Amino acid sequence: MEKEVIVSDIVPSLKLLITDEQDTIRMICVGAMVGIAKILSKDENKKVMLPITLAIFEDKSWKVRLAIAKNFPELAGAFGKEIVDASLTTKFSLLLKDDEADVRTAAVTSLKSCLKTISAEKIQTVIIPQLNDLMRDSSFSVRAGLAGSLCSICTVIKKDVAITRLLPLLIDLLKDEHHEVRMAILAEVQPVAISIGPEFITSSMLISVSYTHLTLPTTPYV
């Protein structure tokens, strides 16, 4: 389909549909937004798609916000780092503290897939401040998603920031009451250790890893 047709015909229809009273229609619009953003250039996206995208981040329906959270990595990739840094990272951070646990889970899980489109500065100033609250989230699925994303964040930010701000969170999560949270860190621990060096292997971390192995659920023999 020609870009001119998309801009002149499809986008105006999409603008109307994202205000439809049915949240199912608005959910479908999220997928359409991603498809269109992948076709248009970054400059075209900034002019045509950015206003629509910004509006739908705060949709009243948690199901629509869930769709945005799940699709954010693809959307961010289509827009590019400059637009994501300037306009979308702060909006995405709102999903990390959404009222619905499913939205928070999807957002924190998607985070690890879109780190290449968010600058280290924005990760440090906008994303990391949200992580302490997620550590205490009542939903274990949120904490498990956080565990995996924390490991990925450690590999893309400055070593000293990872050690001082994220390592304590990882150690605490290794003591989480739910085994899926602990396993999420163990599955990603090697690249973290390589990325930040020997400082990662502290006595506290070794004790936490030992604790994790001792408290993992076992499957009884049949």
N, C-alpha and C. Protein backbone atom coordinates (compact mmCIF):
# COMPACT_ATOMS: atom_id res chain seq x y z
N MET A 1 0.83 -1.19 0.00
CA MET A 1 0.00 0.00 0.00
C MET A 1 0.87 1.25 0.00
N GLU A 2 0.53 2.24 -0.82
CA GLU A 2 1.30 3.46 -0.91
C GLU A 2 1.19 4.27 0.39
N LYS A 3 2.32 4.89 0.75
CA LYS A 3 2.33 5.68 1.97
C LYS A 3 1.31 6.81 1.92
N GLU A 4 1.14 7.39 0.73
CA GLU A 4 0.20 8.50 0.57
C GLU A 4 -1.21 8.08 0.95
N VAL A 5 -1.57 6.86 0.57
CA VAL A 5 -2.91 6.33 0.88
C VAL A 5 -3.05 6.12 2.38
N ILE A 6 -1.98 5.60 2.98
CA ILE A 6 -2.00 5.37 4.44
C ILE A 6 -2.22 6.69 5.18
N VAL A 7 -1.46 7.70 4.79
CA VAL A 7 -1.52 8.99 5.48
C VAL A 7 -2.84 9.70 5.21
N SER A 8 -3.32 9.62 3.99
CA SER A 8 -4.52 10.38 3.62
C SER A 8 -5.82 9.68 3.97
N ASP A 9 -5.83 8.34 3.94
CA ASP A 9 -7.08 7.59 4.14
C ASP A 9 -7.11 6.76 5.43
N ILE A 10 -6.04 6.01 5.65
CA ILE A 10 -6.05 5.07 6.77
C ILE A 10 -5.89 5.77 8.11
N VAL A 11 -4.93 6.67 8.20
CA VAL A 11 -4.66 7.34 9.48
C VAL A 11 -5.86 8.14 9.99
N PRO A 12 -6.56 8.90 9.14
CA PRO A 12 -7.76 9.60 9.64
C PRO A 12 -8.82 8.65 10.20
N SER A 13 -8.97 7.50 9.55
CA SER A 13 -9.92 6.50 10.07
C SER A 13 -9.46 5.96 11.40
N LEU A 14 -8.15 5.74 11.52
CA LEU A 14 -7.59 5.24 12.78
C LEU A 14 -7.81 6.23 13.92
N LYS A 15 -7.69 7.52 13.61
CA LYS A 15 -7.92 8.55 14.62
C LYS A 15 -9.34 8.49 15.17
N LEU A 16 -10.28 8.17 14.31
CA LEU A 16 -11.67 8.04 14.76
C LEU A 16 -11.88 6.76 15.57
N LEU A 17 -11.25 5.68 15.12
CA LEU A 17 -11.46 4.38 15.76
C LEU A 17 -10.85 4.31 17.16
N ILE A 18 -9.79 5.04 17.42
CA ILE A 18 -9.19 4.98 18.76
C ILE A 18 -10.03 5.71 19.80
N THR A 19 -11.08 6.38 19.33
CA THR A 19 -12.02 7.00 20.27
C THR A 19 -13.34 6.23 20.33
N ASP A 20 -13.40 5.08 19.66
CA ASP A 20 -14.62 4.27 19.65
C ASP A 20 -14.98 3.86 21.08
N GLU A 21 -16.26 3.75 21.37
CA GLU A 21 -16.70 3.42 22.72
C GLU A 21 -16.40 1.98 23.09
N GLN A 22 -16.19 1.12 22.09
CA GLN A 22 -15.89 -0.29 22.35
C GLN A 22 -14.38 -0.47 22.54
N ASP A 23 -13.97 -0.98 23.70
CA ASP A 23 -12.54 -1.14 23.94
C ASP A 23 -11.93 -2.21 23.04
N THR A 24 -12.75 -3.15 22.57
CA THR A 24 -12.25 -4.17 21.64
C THR A 24 -11.76 -3.53 20.36
N ILE A 25 -12.48 -2.54 19.87
CA ILE A 25 -12.07 -1.82 18.66
C ILE A 25 -10.76 -1.07 18.91
N ARG A 26 -10.66 -0.45 20.06
CA ARG A 26 -9.45 0.32 20.39
C ARG A 26 -8.25 -0.61 20.56
N MET A 27 -8.49 -1.82 21.06
CA MET A 27 -7.41 -2.80 21.19
C MET A 27 -6.87 -3.19 19.81
N ILE A 28 -7.78 -3.40 18.86
CA ILE A 28 -7.37 -3.75 17.50
C ILE A 28 -6.57 -2.61 16.87
N CYS A 29 -6.92 -1.40 17.23
CA CYS A 29 -6.21 -0.23 16.70
C CYS A 29 -4.73 -0.24 17.07
N VAL A 30 -4.40 -0.80 18.23
CA VAL A 30 -3.00 -0.83 18.66
C VAL A 30 -2.16 -1.64 17.67
N GLY A 31 -2.68 -2.79 17.26
CA GLY A 31 -1.97 -3.60 16.27
C GLY A 31 -1.84 -2.87 14.94
N ALA A 32 -2.90 -2.16 14.56
CA ALA A 32 -2.85 -1.39 13.31
C ALA A 32 -1.83 -0.27 13.41
N MET A 33 -1.73 0.36 14.57
CA MET A 33 -0.74 1.42 14.77
C MET A 33 0.67 0.90 14.56
N VAL A 34 0.95 -0.28 15.10
CA VAL A 34 2.28 -0.87 14.96
C VAL A 34 2.58 -1.14 13.48
N GLY A 35 1.59 -1.70 12.78
CA GLY A 35 1.78 -2.01 11.36
C GLY A 35 2.05 -0.76 10.53
N ILE A 36 1.31 0.29 10.78
CA ILE A 36 1.49 1.54 10.04
C ILE A 36 2.83 2.18 10.38
N ALA A 37 3.19 2.17 11.66
CA ALA A 37 4.45 2.78 12.08
C ALA A 37 5.65 2.10 11.44
N LYS A 38 5.54 0.80 11.19
CA LYS A 38 6.64 0.07 10.55
C LYS A 38 6.80 0.45 9.08
N ILE A 39 5.72 0.91 8.46
CA ILE A 39 5.76 1.28 7.04
C ILE A 39 6.27 2.71 6.85
N LEU A 40 5.85 3.60 7.72
CA LEU A 40 6.22 5.01 7.58
C LEU A 40 7.65 5.25 8.05
N SER A 41 8.23 6.33 7.57
CA SER A 41 9.57 6.72 8.03
C SER A 41 9.49 7.31 9.43
N LYS A 42 10.63 7.46 10.07
CA LYS A 42 10.63 8.02 11.43
C LYS A 42 10.09 9.45 11.43
N ASP A 43 10.41 10.24 10.42
CA ASP A 43 9.89 11.61 10.34
C ASP A 43 8.38 11.60 10.14
N GLU A 44 7.91 10.68 9.30
CA GLU A 44 6.46 10.57 9.07
C GLU A 44 5.75 10.11 10.34
N ASN A 45 6.37 9.18 11.05
CA ASN A 45 5.78 8.71 12.30
C ASN A 45 5.67 9.83 13.33
N LYS A 46 6.70 10.64 13.39
CA LYS A 46 6.70 11.76 14.34
C LYS A 46 5.56 12.72 14.05
N LYS A 47 5.30 12.95 12.79
CA LYS A 47 4.27 13.90 12.39
C LYS A 47 2.87 13.29 12.45
N VAL A 48 2.74 12.05 11.99
CA VAL A 48 1.42 11.46 11.79
C VAL A 48 0.99 10.53 12.93
N MET A 49 1.91 9.65 13.37
CA MET A 49 1.51 8.60 14.30
C MET A 49 1.76 8.94 15.78
N LEU A 50 2.68 9.83 16.03
CA LEU A 50 3.01 10.13 17.42
C LEU A 50 1.81 10.67 18.22
N PRO A 51 1.05 11.62 17.69
CA PRO A 51 -0.11 12.12 18.46
C PRO A 51 -1.11 11.03 18.82
N ILE A 52 -1.34 10.11 17.88
CA ILE A 52 -2.27 9.00 18.13
C ILE A 52 -1.71 8.10 19.22
N THR A 53 -0.43 7.81 19.13
CA THR A 53 0.22 6.90 20.08
C THR A 53 0.21 7.48 21.49
N LEU A 54 0.51 8.75 21.60
CA LEU A 54 0.53 9.39 22.92
C LEU A 54 -0.85 9.34 23.58
N ALA A 55 -1.87 9.52 22.77
CA ALA A 55 -3.24 9.54 23.30
C ALA A 55 -3.67 8.18 23.85
N ILE A 56 -3.28 7.12 23.17
CA ILE A 56 -3.80 5.80 23.53
C ILE A 56 -3.09 5.21 24.75
N PHE A 57 -1.94 5.77 25.13
CA PHE A 57 -1.24 5.27 26.32
C PHE A 57 -2.08 5.43 27.58
N GLU A 58 -2.95 6.42 27.61
CA GLU A 58 -3.75 6.67 28.81
C GLU A 58 -5.21 6.29 28.60
N ASP A 59 -5.44 5.32 27.73
CA ASP A 59 -6.81 4.85 27.48
C ASP A 59 -7.46 4.41 28.79
N LYS A 60 -8.75 4.64 28.91
CA LYS A 60 -9.47 4.31 30.14
C LYS A 60 -9.61 2.81 30.36
N SER A 61 -9.46 2.03 29.29
CA SER A 61 -9.59 0.58 29.41
C SER A 61 -8.23 -0.07 29.66
N TRP A 62 -8.15 -0.90 30.70
CA TRP A 62 -6.90 -1.57 31.01
C TRP A 62 -6.52 -2.55 29.90
N LYS A 63 -7.52 -3.06 29.18
CA LYS A 63 -7.22 -3.99 28.09
C LYS A 63 -6.48 -3.31 26.95
N VAL A 64 -6.82 -2.06 26.69
CA VAL A 64 -6.12 -1.29 25.65
C VAL A 64 -4.71 -0.97 26.11
N ARG A 65 -4.58 -0.59 27.37
CA ARG A 65 -3.25 -0.30 27.92
C ARG A 65 -2.38 -1.56 27.92
N LEU A 66 -3.02 -2.70 28.15
CA LEU A 66 -2.32 -3.98 28.09
C LEU A 66 -1.78 -4.23 26.69
N ALA A 67 -2.60 -3.94 25.70
CA ALA A 67 -2.17 -4.12 24.30
C ALA A 67 -0.98 -3.21 23.98
N ILE A 68 -1.01 -1.98 24.47
CA ILE A 68 0.11 -1.06 24.26
C ILE A 68 1.37 -1.60 24.93
N ALA A 69 1.23 -2.08 26.16
CA ALA A 69 2.38 -2.61 26.90
C ALA A 69 3.02 -3.78 26.16
N LYS A 70 2.19 -4.68 25.64
CA LYS A 70 2.71 -5.85 24.92
C LYS A 70 3.36 -5.47 23.60
N ASN A 71 2.84 -4.44 22.94
CA ASN A 71 3.32 -4.07 21.61
C ASN A 71 4.39 -2.97 21.64
N PHE A 72 4.71 -2.48 22.82
CA PHE A 72 5.64 -1.35 22.88
C PHE A 72 7.00 -1.61 22.24
N PRO A 73 7.61 -2.79 22.41
CA PRO A 73 8.92 -3.01 21.77
C PRO A 73 8.88 -2.80 20.25
N GLU A 74 7.84 -3.32 19.59
CA GLU A 74 7.73 -3.14 18.14
C GLU A 74 7.46 -1.68 17.79
N LEU A 75 6.62 -1.05 18.58
CA LEU A 75 6.29 0.36 18.34
C LEU A 75 7.53 1.23 18.52
N ALA A 76 8.29 0.96 19.57
CA ALA A 76 9.50 1.73 19.84
C ALA A 76 10.52 1.53 18.72
N GLY A 77 10.62 0.31 18.22
CA GLY A 77 11.54 0.03 17.13
C GLY A 77 11.18 0.80 15.88
N ALA A 78 9.90 0.94 15.62
CA ALA A 78 9.45 1.67 14.43
C ALA A 78 9.69 3.17 14.58
N PHE A 79 9.50 3.71 15.77
CA PHE A 79 9.68 5.14 15.99
C PHE A 79 11.16 5.53 16.07
N GLY A 80 11.99 4.67 16.65
CA GLY A 80 13.40 4.98 16.79
C GLY A 80 13.73 5.66 18.10
N LYS A 81 15.01 5.58 18.47
CA LYS A 81 15.46 6.04 19.80
C LYS A 81 15.17 7.52 20.04
N GLU A 82 15.34 8.37 19.04
CA GLU A 82 15.16 9.81 19.25
C GLU A 82 13.75 10.14 19.71
N ILE A 83 12.75 9.58 19.02
CA ILE A 83 11.35 9.84 19.37
C ILE A 83 10.98 9.15 20.67
N VAL A 84 11.47 7.93 20.85
CA VAL A 84 11.18 7.19 22.08
C VAL A 84 11.71 7.96 23.29
N ASP A 85 12.94 8.44 23.19
CA ASP A 85 13.53 9.21 24.30
C ASP A 85 12.76 10.50 24.57
N ALA A 86 12.42 11.19 23.51
CA ALA A 86 11.80 12.50 23.66
C ALA A 86 10.34 12.43 24.11
N SER A 87 9.62 11.40 23.64
CA SER A 87 8.17 11.43 23.84
C SER A 87 7.54 10.17 24.43
N LEU A 88 8.15 9.01 24.26
CA LEU A 88 7.46 7.78 24.61
C LEU A 88 7.94 7.10 25.89
N THR A 89 9.17 7.32 26.30
CA THR A 89 9.67 6.63 27.49
C THR A 89 8.88 7.00 28.73
N THR A 90 8.59 8.28 28.89
CA THR A 90 7.82 8.71 30.06
C THR A 90 6.41 8.12 30.04
N LYS A 91 5.81 8.08 28.87
CA LYS A 91 4.47 7.47 28.74
C LYS A 91 4.53 5.98 29.09
N PHE A 92 5.57 5.31 28.59
CA PHE A 92 5.71 3.88 28.87
C PHE A 92 5.89 3.64 30.36
N SER A 93 6.61 4.53 31.03
CA SER A 93 6.85 4.36 32.46
C SER A 93 5.55 4.38 33.26
N LEU A 94 4.52 5.05 32.73
CA LEU A 94 3.22 5.07 33.41
C LEU A 94 2.62 3.67 33.46
N LEU A 95 2.90 2.86 32.45
CA LEU A 95 2.36 1.50 32.42
C LEU A 95 3.01 0.63 33.49
N LEU A 96 4.22 0.99 33.91
CA LEU A 96 4.90 0.23 34.96
C LEU A 96 4.24 0.40 36.32
N LYS A 97 3.44 1.45 36.46
CA LYS A 97 2.72 1.66 37.72
C LYS A 97 1.21 1.69 37.50
N ASP A 98 0.77 1.01 36.46
CA ASP A 98 -0.66 0.92 36.16
C ASP A 98 -1.41 0.24 37.30
N ASP A 99 -2.69 0.56 37.42
CA ASP A 99 -3.51 -0.04 38.48
C ASP A 99 -3.70 -1.54 38.29
N GLU A 100 -3.64 -2.00 37.03
CA GLU A 100 -3.88 -3.42 36.74
C GLU A 100 -2.56 -4.20 36.72
N ALA A 101 -2.52 -5.30 37.46
CA ALA A 101 -1.32 -6.13 37.53
C ALA A 101 -0.93 -6.69 36.17
N ASP A 102 -1.92 -7.05 35.35
CA ASP A 102 -1.62 -7.60 34.02
C ASP A 102 -0.88 -6.58 33.16
N VAL A 103 -1.26 -5.32 33.29
CA VAL A 103 -0.60 -4.26 32.53
C VAL A 103 0.83 -4.07 33.03
N ARG A 104 1.00 -4.03 34.35
CA ARG A 104 2.34 -3.89 34.92
C ARG A 104 3.24 -5.05 34.51
N THR A 105 2.68 -6.26 34.52
CA THR A 105 3.46 -7.43 34.14
C THR A 105 3.90 -7.34 32.68
N ALA A 106 2.98 -6.99 31.80
CA ALA A 106 3.30 -6.89 30.38
C ALA A 106 4.33 -5.79 30.13
N ALA A 107 4.19 -4.67 30.84
CA ALA A 107 5.11 -3.54 30.64
C ALA A 107 6.52 -3.89 31.10
N VAL A 108 6.64 -4.45 32.29
CA VAL A 108 7.98 -4.75 32.81
C VAL A 108 8.63 -5.89 32.04
N THR A 109 7.81 -6.80 31.50
CA THR A 109 8.34 -7.88 30.68
C THR A 109 8.79 -7.36 29.32
N SER A 110 8.03 -6.43 28.75
CA SER A 110 8.39 -5.83 27.46
C SER A 110 9.65 -4.98 27.55
N LEU A 111 9.93 -4.48 28.75
CA LEU A 111 11.05 -3.57 28.93
C LEU A 111 12.36 -4.14 28.40
N LYS A 112 12.61 -5.42 28.67
CA LYS A 112 13.88 -6.02 28.26
C LYS A 112 14.02 -6.10 26.75
N SER A 113 12.90 -6.05 26.02
CA SER A 113 12.94 -6.15 24.56
C SER A 113 13.07 -4.80 23.86
N CYS A 114 12.97 -3.71 24.61
CA CYS A 114 13.04 -2.39 23.96
C CYS A 114 14.17 -1.53 24.50
N LEU A 115 15.11 -2.14 25.22
CA LEU A 115 16.21 -1.38 25.81
C LEU A 115 17.10 -0.72 24.76
N LYS A 116 17.18 -1.31 23.58
CA LYS A 116 18.02 -0.74 22.53
C LYS A 116 17.44 0.56 21.97
N THR A 117 16.17 0.79 22.22
CA THR A 117 15.55 2.01 21.70
C THR A 117 15.35 3.06 22.78
N ILE A 118 15.87 2.80 23.98
CA ILE A 118 15.82 3.77 25.06
C ILE A 118 17.25 4.09 25.46
N SER A 119 17.59 5.34 25.55
CA SER A 119 18.96 5.72 25.90
C SER A 119 19.27 5.34 27.35
N ALA A 120 20.56 5.15 27.63
CA ALA A 120 20.99 4.82 28.99
C ALA A 120 20.57 5.91 29.97
N GLU A 121 20.59 7.16 29.51
CA GLU A 121 20.19 8.28 30.36
C GLU A 121 18.72 8.17 30.78
N LYS A 122 17.86 7.87 29.81
CA LYS A 122 16.43 7.73 30.11
C LYS A 122 16.15 6.50 30.97
N ILE A 123 16.90 5.44 30.73
CA ILE A 123 16.74 4.26 31.58
C ILE A 123 17.06 4.61 33.02
N GLN A 124 18.12 5.39 33.19
CA GLN A 124 18.56 5.75 34.53
C GLN A 124 17.63 6.75 35.21
N THR A 125 17.13 7.72 34.45
CA THR A 125 16.34 8.80 35.06
C THR A 125 14.84 8.54 35.07
N VAL A 126 14.34 7.76 34.12
CA VAL A 126 12.88 7.55 34.02
C VAL A 126 12.46 6.14 34.43
N ILE A 127 13.22 5.13 33.99
CA ILE A 127 12.81 3.74 34.22
C ILE A 127 13.24 3.23 35.59
N ILE A 128 14.51 3.37 35.92
CA ILE A 128 15.02 2.80 37.17
C ILE A 128 14.28 3.30 38.40
N PRO A 129 13.90 4.60 38.47
CA PRO A 129 13.16 5.05 39.66
C PRO A 129 11.84 4.31 39.89
N GLN A 130 11.29 3.67 38.84
CA GLN A 130 10.03 2.94 39.00
C GLN A 130 10.25 1.54 39.59
N LEU A 131 11.49 1.06 39.58
CA LEU A 131 11.73 -0.35 39.88
C LEU A 131 11.59 -0.70 41.35
N ASN A 132 11.88 0.24 42.23
CA ASN A 132 11.76 -0.05 43.66
C ASN A 132 10.33 -0.41 44.04
N ASP A 133 9.36 0.31 43.47
CA ASP A 133 7.96 -0.01 43.75
C ASP A 133 7.58 -1.39 43.21
N LEU A 134 8.10 -1.72 42.03
CA LEU A 134 7.79 -3.02 41.44
C LEU A 134 8.39 -4.16 42.26
N MET A 135 9.48 -3.89 42.96
CA MET A 135 10.08 -4.88 43.85
C MET A 135 9.10 -5.35 44.90
N ARG A 136 8.24 -4.44 45.33
CA ARG A 136 7.29 -4.74 46.40
C ARG A 136 5.90 -5.03 45.86
N ASP A 137 5.79 -5.24 44.56
CA ASP A 137 4.47 -5.47 43.95
C ASP A 137 3.83 -6.73 44.54
N SER A 138 2.54 -6.67 44.74
CA SER A 138 1.82 -7.81 45.32
C SER A 138 1.71 -8.99 44.36
N SER A 139 1.90 -8.74 43.05
CA SER A 139 1.80 -9.80 42.06
C SER A 139 3.18 -10.41 41.79
N PHE A 140 3.30 -11.73 41.98
CA PHE A 140 4.59 -12.37 41.73
C PHE A 140 4.97 -12.33 40.25
N SER A 141 3.97 -12.28 39.36
CA SER A 141 4.27 -12.23 37.93
C SER A 141 4.94 -10.91 37.56
N VAL A 142 4.56 -9.83 38.25
CA VAL A 142 5.22 -8.54 38.05
C VAL A 142 6.66 -8.63 38.53
N ARG A 143 6.87 -9.22 39.70
CA ARG A 143 8.22 -9.33 40.26
C ARG A 143 9.09 -10.24 39.40
N ALA A 144 8.50 -11.30 38.84
CA ALA A 144 9.26 -12.19 37.96
C ALA A 144 9.66 -11.48 36.67
N GLY A 145 8.73 -10.70 36.12
CA GLY A 145 9.06 -9.91 34.93
C GLY A 145 10.14 -8.89 35.22
N LEU A 146 10.07 -8.28 36.41
CA LEU A 146 11.08 -7.32 36.83
C LEU A 146 12.45 -7.98 36.94
N ALA A 147 12.49 -9.18 37.49
CA ALA A 147 13.76 -9.89 37.66
C ALA A 147 14.47 -10.08 36.33
N GLY A 148 13.73 -10.54 35.33
CA GLY A 148 14.34 -10.74 34.02
C GLY A 148 14.79 -9.44 33.38
N SER A 149 13.98 -8.40 33.51
CA SER A 149 14.33 -7.11 32.90
C SER A 149 15.49 -6.44 33.62
N LEU A 150 15.57 -6.60 34.94
CA LEU A 150 16.69 -6.04 35.69
C LEU A 150 18.01 -6.58 35.18
N CYS A 151 18.05 -7.87 34.94
CA CYS A 151 19.28 -8.49 34.42
C CYS A 151 19.66 -7.88 33.08
N SER A 152 18.68 -7.66 32.21
CA SER A 152 18.96 -7.06 30.91
C SER A 152 19.41 -5.61 31.03
N ILE A 153 18.79 -4.86 31.94
CA ILE A 153 19.17 -3.46 32.15
C ILE A 153 20.63 -3.36 32.61
N CYS A 154 21.05 -4.29 33.44
CA CYS A 154 22.43 -4.28 33.94
C CYS A 154 23.45 -4.31 32.80
N THR A 155 23.08 -4.90 31.68
CA THR A 155 24.04 -5.06 30.58
C THR A 155 24.08 -3.85 29.64
N VAL A 156 23.20 -2.87 29.83
CA VAL A 156 23.17 -1.73 28.90
C VAL A 156 23.42 -0.38 29.57
N ILE A 157 23.59 -0.38 30.89
CA ILE A 157 23.88 0.88 31.58
C ILE A 157 25.30 0.84 32.13
N LYS A 158 25.75 1.97 32.66
CA LYS A 158 27.10 2.05 33.20
C LYS A 158 27.27 1.07 34.35
N LYS A 159 28.48 0.51 34.41
CA LYS A 159 28.78 -0.52 35.40
C LYS A 159 28.53 -0.05 36.83
N ASP A 160 28.95 1.18 37.14
CA ASP A 160 28.80 1.67 38.51
C ASP A 160 27.33 1.85 38.89
N VAL A 161 26.50 2.23 37.91
CA VAL A 161 25.07 2.38 38.17
C VAL A 161 24.44 1.01 38.42
N ALA A 162 24.85 0.03 37.63
CA ALA A 162 24.32 -1.33 37.80
C ALA A 162 24.67 -1.88 39.18
N ILE A 163 25.90 -1.61 39.61
CA ILE A 163 26.36 -2.15 40.89
C ILE A 163 25.67 -1.45 42.07
N THR A 164 25.56 -0.13 41.99
CA THR A 164 25.04 0.62 43.14
C THR A 164 23.51 0.63 43.22
N ARG A 165 22.84 0.62 42.05
CA ARG A 165 21.39 0.80 42.07
C ARG A 165 20.61 -0.47 41.75
N LEU A 166 21.18 -1.37 40.97
CA LEU A 166 20.43 -2.56 40.55
C LEU A 166 20.86 -3.83 41.28
N LEU A 167 22.13 -3.95 41.60
CA LEU A 167 22.60 -5.15 42.29
C LEU A 167 21.85 -5.40 43.60
N PRO A 168 21.61 -4.38 44.43
CA PRO A 168 20.84 -4.63 45.66
C PRO A 168 19.43 -5.16 45.38
N LEU A 169 18.82 -4.70 44.28
CA LEU A 169 17.48 -5.18 43.92
C LEU A 169 17.54 -6.65 43.51
N LEU A 170 18.57 -7.02 42.75
CA LEU A 170 18.72 -8.41 42.32
C LEU A 170 18.92 -9.33 43.52
N ILE A 171 19.73 -8.89 44.46
CA ILE A 171 19.97 -9.70 45.66
C ILE A 171 18.68 -9.90 46.43
N ASP A 172 17.89 -8.85 46.57
CA ASP A 172 16.61 -8.97 47.27
C ASP A 172 15.65 -9.90 46.54
N LEU A 173 15.63 -9.80 45.21
CA LEU A 173 14.73 -10.65 44.44
C LEU A 173 15.14 -12.12 44.50
N LEU A 174 16.42 -12.39 44.71
CA LEU A 174 16.87 -13.77 44.87
C LEU A 174 16.35 -14.39 46.17
N LYS A 175 15.84 -13.54 47.05
CA LYS A 175 15.26 -14.03 48.31
C LYS A 175 13.74 -14.00 48.27
N ASP A 176 13.17 -13.71 47.09
CA ASP A 176 11.72 -13.60 46.97
C ASP A 176 11.05 -14.92 47.37
N GLU A 177 9.86 -14.80 47.93
CA GLU A 177 9.14 -15.98 48.41
C GLU A 177 8.67 -16.88 47.28
N HIS A 178 8.56 -16.33 46.06
CA HIS A 178 8.05 -17.13 44.95
C HIS A 178 9.21 -17.63 44.08
N HIS A 179 9.22 -18.94 43.80
CA HIS A 179 10.36 -19.53 43.10
C HIS A 179 10.52 -19.02 41.67
N GLU A 180 9.41 -18.62 41.02
CA GLU A 180 9.52 -18.14 39.64
C GLU A 180 10.30 -16.83 39.57
N VAL A 181 10.21 -16.03 40.61
CA VAL A 181 10.97 -14.78 40.66
C VAL A 181 12.46 -15.10 40.77
N ARG A 182 12.79 -16.01 41.66
CA ARG A 182 14.20 -16.38 41.86
C ARG A 182 14.77 -17.03 40.61
N MET A 183 13.97 -17.89 39.98
CA MET A 183 14.44 -18.57 38.77
C MET A 183 14.67 -17.59 37.63
N ALA A 184 13.88 -16.54 37.57
CA ALA A 184 14.03 -15.55 36.50
C ALA A 184 15.41 -14.89 36.54
N ILE A 185 15.94 -14.70 37.74
CA ILE A 185 17.28 -14.12 37.87
C ILE A 185 18.34 -15.16 37.55
N LEU A 186 18.20 -16.36 38.06
CA LEU A 186 19.19 -17.40 37.81
C LEU A 186 19.33 -17.69 36.32
N ALA A 187 18.23 -17.57 35.58
CA ALA A 187 18.26 -17.83 34.14
C ALA A 187 19.08 -16.80 33.38
N GLU A 188 19.24 -15.59 33.98
CA GLU A 188 19.92 -14.49 33.28
C GLU A 188 21.20 -14.04 33.99
N VAL A 189 21.64 -14.76 35.01
CA VAL A 189 22.71 -14.26 35.85
C VAL A 189 24.07 -14.22 35.15
N GLN A 190 24.31 -15.12 34.19
CA GLN A 190 25.64 -15.17 33.55
C GLN A 190 25.99 -13.89 32.79
N PRO A 191 25.10 -13.39 31.88
CA PRO A 191 25.46 -12.15 31.19
C PRO A 191 25.62 -10.96 32.12
N VAL A 192 24.91 -10.96 33.24
CA VAL A 192 25.06 -9.87 34.21
C VAL A 192 26.44 -9.92 34.83
N ALA A 193 26.86 -11.12 35.24
CA ALA A 193 28.19 -11.28 35.84
C ALA A 193 29.28 -10.87 34.87
N ILE A 194 29.13 -11.24 33.60
CA ILE A 194 30.12 -10.88 32.59
C ILE A 194 30.14 -9.37 32.37
N SER A 195 28.95 -8.77 32.39
CA SER A 195 28.83 -7.35 32.09
C SER A 195 29.41 -6.46 33.18
N ILE A 196 29.12 -6.76 34.44
CA ILE A 196 29.56 -5.85 35.50
C ILE A 196 30.77 -6.35 36.26
N GLY A 197 31.22 -7.57 35.96
CA GLY A 197 32.49 -8.02 36.49
C GLY A 197 32.43 -8.69 37.86
N PRO A 198 33.60 -8.93 38.44
CA PRO A 198 33.69 -9.68 39.69
C PRO A 198 32.93 -9.05 40.85
N GLU A 199 32.72 -7.73 40.80
CA GLU A 199 32.00 -7.07 41.89
C GLU A 199 30.60 -7.67 42.09
N PHE A 200 30.09 -8.26 41.02
CA PHE A 200 28.74 -8.85 41.08
C PHE A 200 28.72 -10.04 42.03
N ILE A 201 29.83 -10.77 42.06
CA ILE A 201 29.86 -11.99 42.86
C ILE A 201 30.29 -11.64 44.27
N THR A 202 29.41 -11.02 44.99
CA THR A 202 29.65 -10.65 46.38
C THR A 202 29.21 -11.78 47.30
N SER A 203 29.62 -11.69 48.54
CA SER A 203 29.21 -12.72 49.50
C SER A 203 27.69 -12.76 49.64
N SER A 204 27.07 -11.56 49.58
CA SER A 204 25.60 -11.50 49.69
C SER A 204 24.94 -12.22 48.54
N MET A 205 25.51 -12.04 47.33
CA MET A 205 24.95 -12.69 46.16
C MET A 205 25.11 -14.21 46.26
N LEU A 206 26.27 -14.67 46.70
CA LEU A 206 26.51 -16.11 46.82
C LEU A 206 25.56 -16.73 47.84
N ILE A 207 25.33 -16.02 48.95
CA ILE A 207 24.40 -16.52 49.96
C ILE A 207 22.99 -16.59 49.39
N SER A 208 22.63 -15.56 48.60
CA SER A 208 21.28 -15.52 48.01
C SER A 208 21.09 -16.64 47.00
N VAL A 209 22.12 -16.90 46.18
CA VAL A 209 22.04 -17.99 45.20
C VAL A 209 21.90 -19.33 45.91
N SER A 210 22.68 -19.51 46.99
CA SER A 210 22.59 -20.75 47.76
C SER A 210 21.19 -20.92 48.34
N TYR A 211 20.64 -19.81 48.85
CA TYR A 211 19.29 -19.83 49.40
C TYR A 211 18.28 -20.23 48.34
N THR A 212 18.46 -19.69 47.13
CA THR A 212 17.55 -19.98 46.03
C THR A 212 17.55 -21.46 45.70
N HIS A 213 18.74 -22.04 45.60
CA HIS A 213 18.83 -23.47 45.26
C HIS A 213 18.21 -24.33 46.35
N LEU A 214 18.38 -23.91 47.61
CA LEU A 214 17.85 -24.70 48.71
C LEU A 214 16.34 -24.64 48.80
N THR A 215 15.75 -23.55 48.28
CA THR A 215 14.30 -23.35 48.45
C THR A 215 13.50 -23.55 47.17
N LEU A 216 14.16 -23.97 46.09
CA LEU A 216 13.39 -24.24 44.86
C LEU A 216 12.49 -25.44 45.08
N PRO A 217 11.28 -25.40 44.50
CA PRO A 217 10.38 -26.55 44.66
C PRO A 217 10.92 -27.76 43.93
N THR A 218 10.72 -28.92 44.49
CA THR A 218 11.20 -30.16 43.86
C THR A 218 10.01 -30.97 43.35
N THR A 219 10.23 -31.66 42.28
CA THR A 219 9.20 -32.54 41.72
C THR A 219 9.37 -33.93 42.25
N PRO A 220 8.41 -34.48 42.96
CA PRO A 220 8.56 -35.82 43.54
C PRO A 220 8.67 -36.87 42.46
N TYR A 221 9.47 -37.88 42.76
CA TYR A 221 9.57 -39.00 41.82
C TYR A 221 8.26 -39.77 41.79
N VAL A 222 7.92 -40.24 40.60
CA VAL A 222 6.67 -41.01 40.45
C VAL A 222 7.00 -42.49 40.46
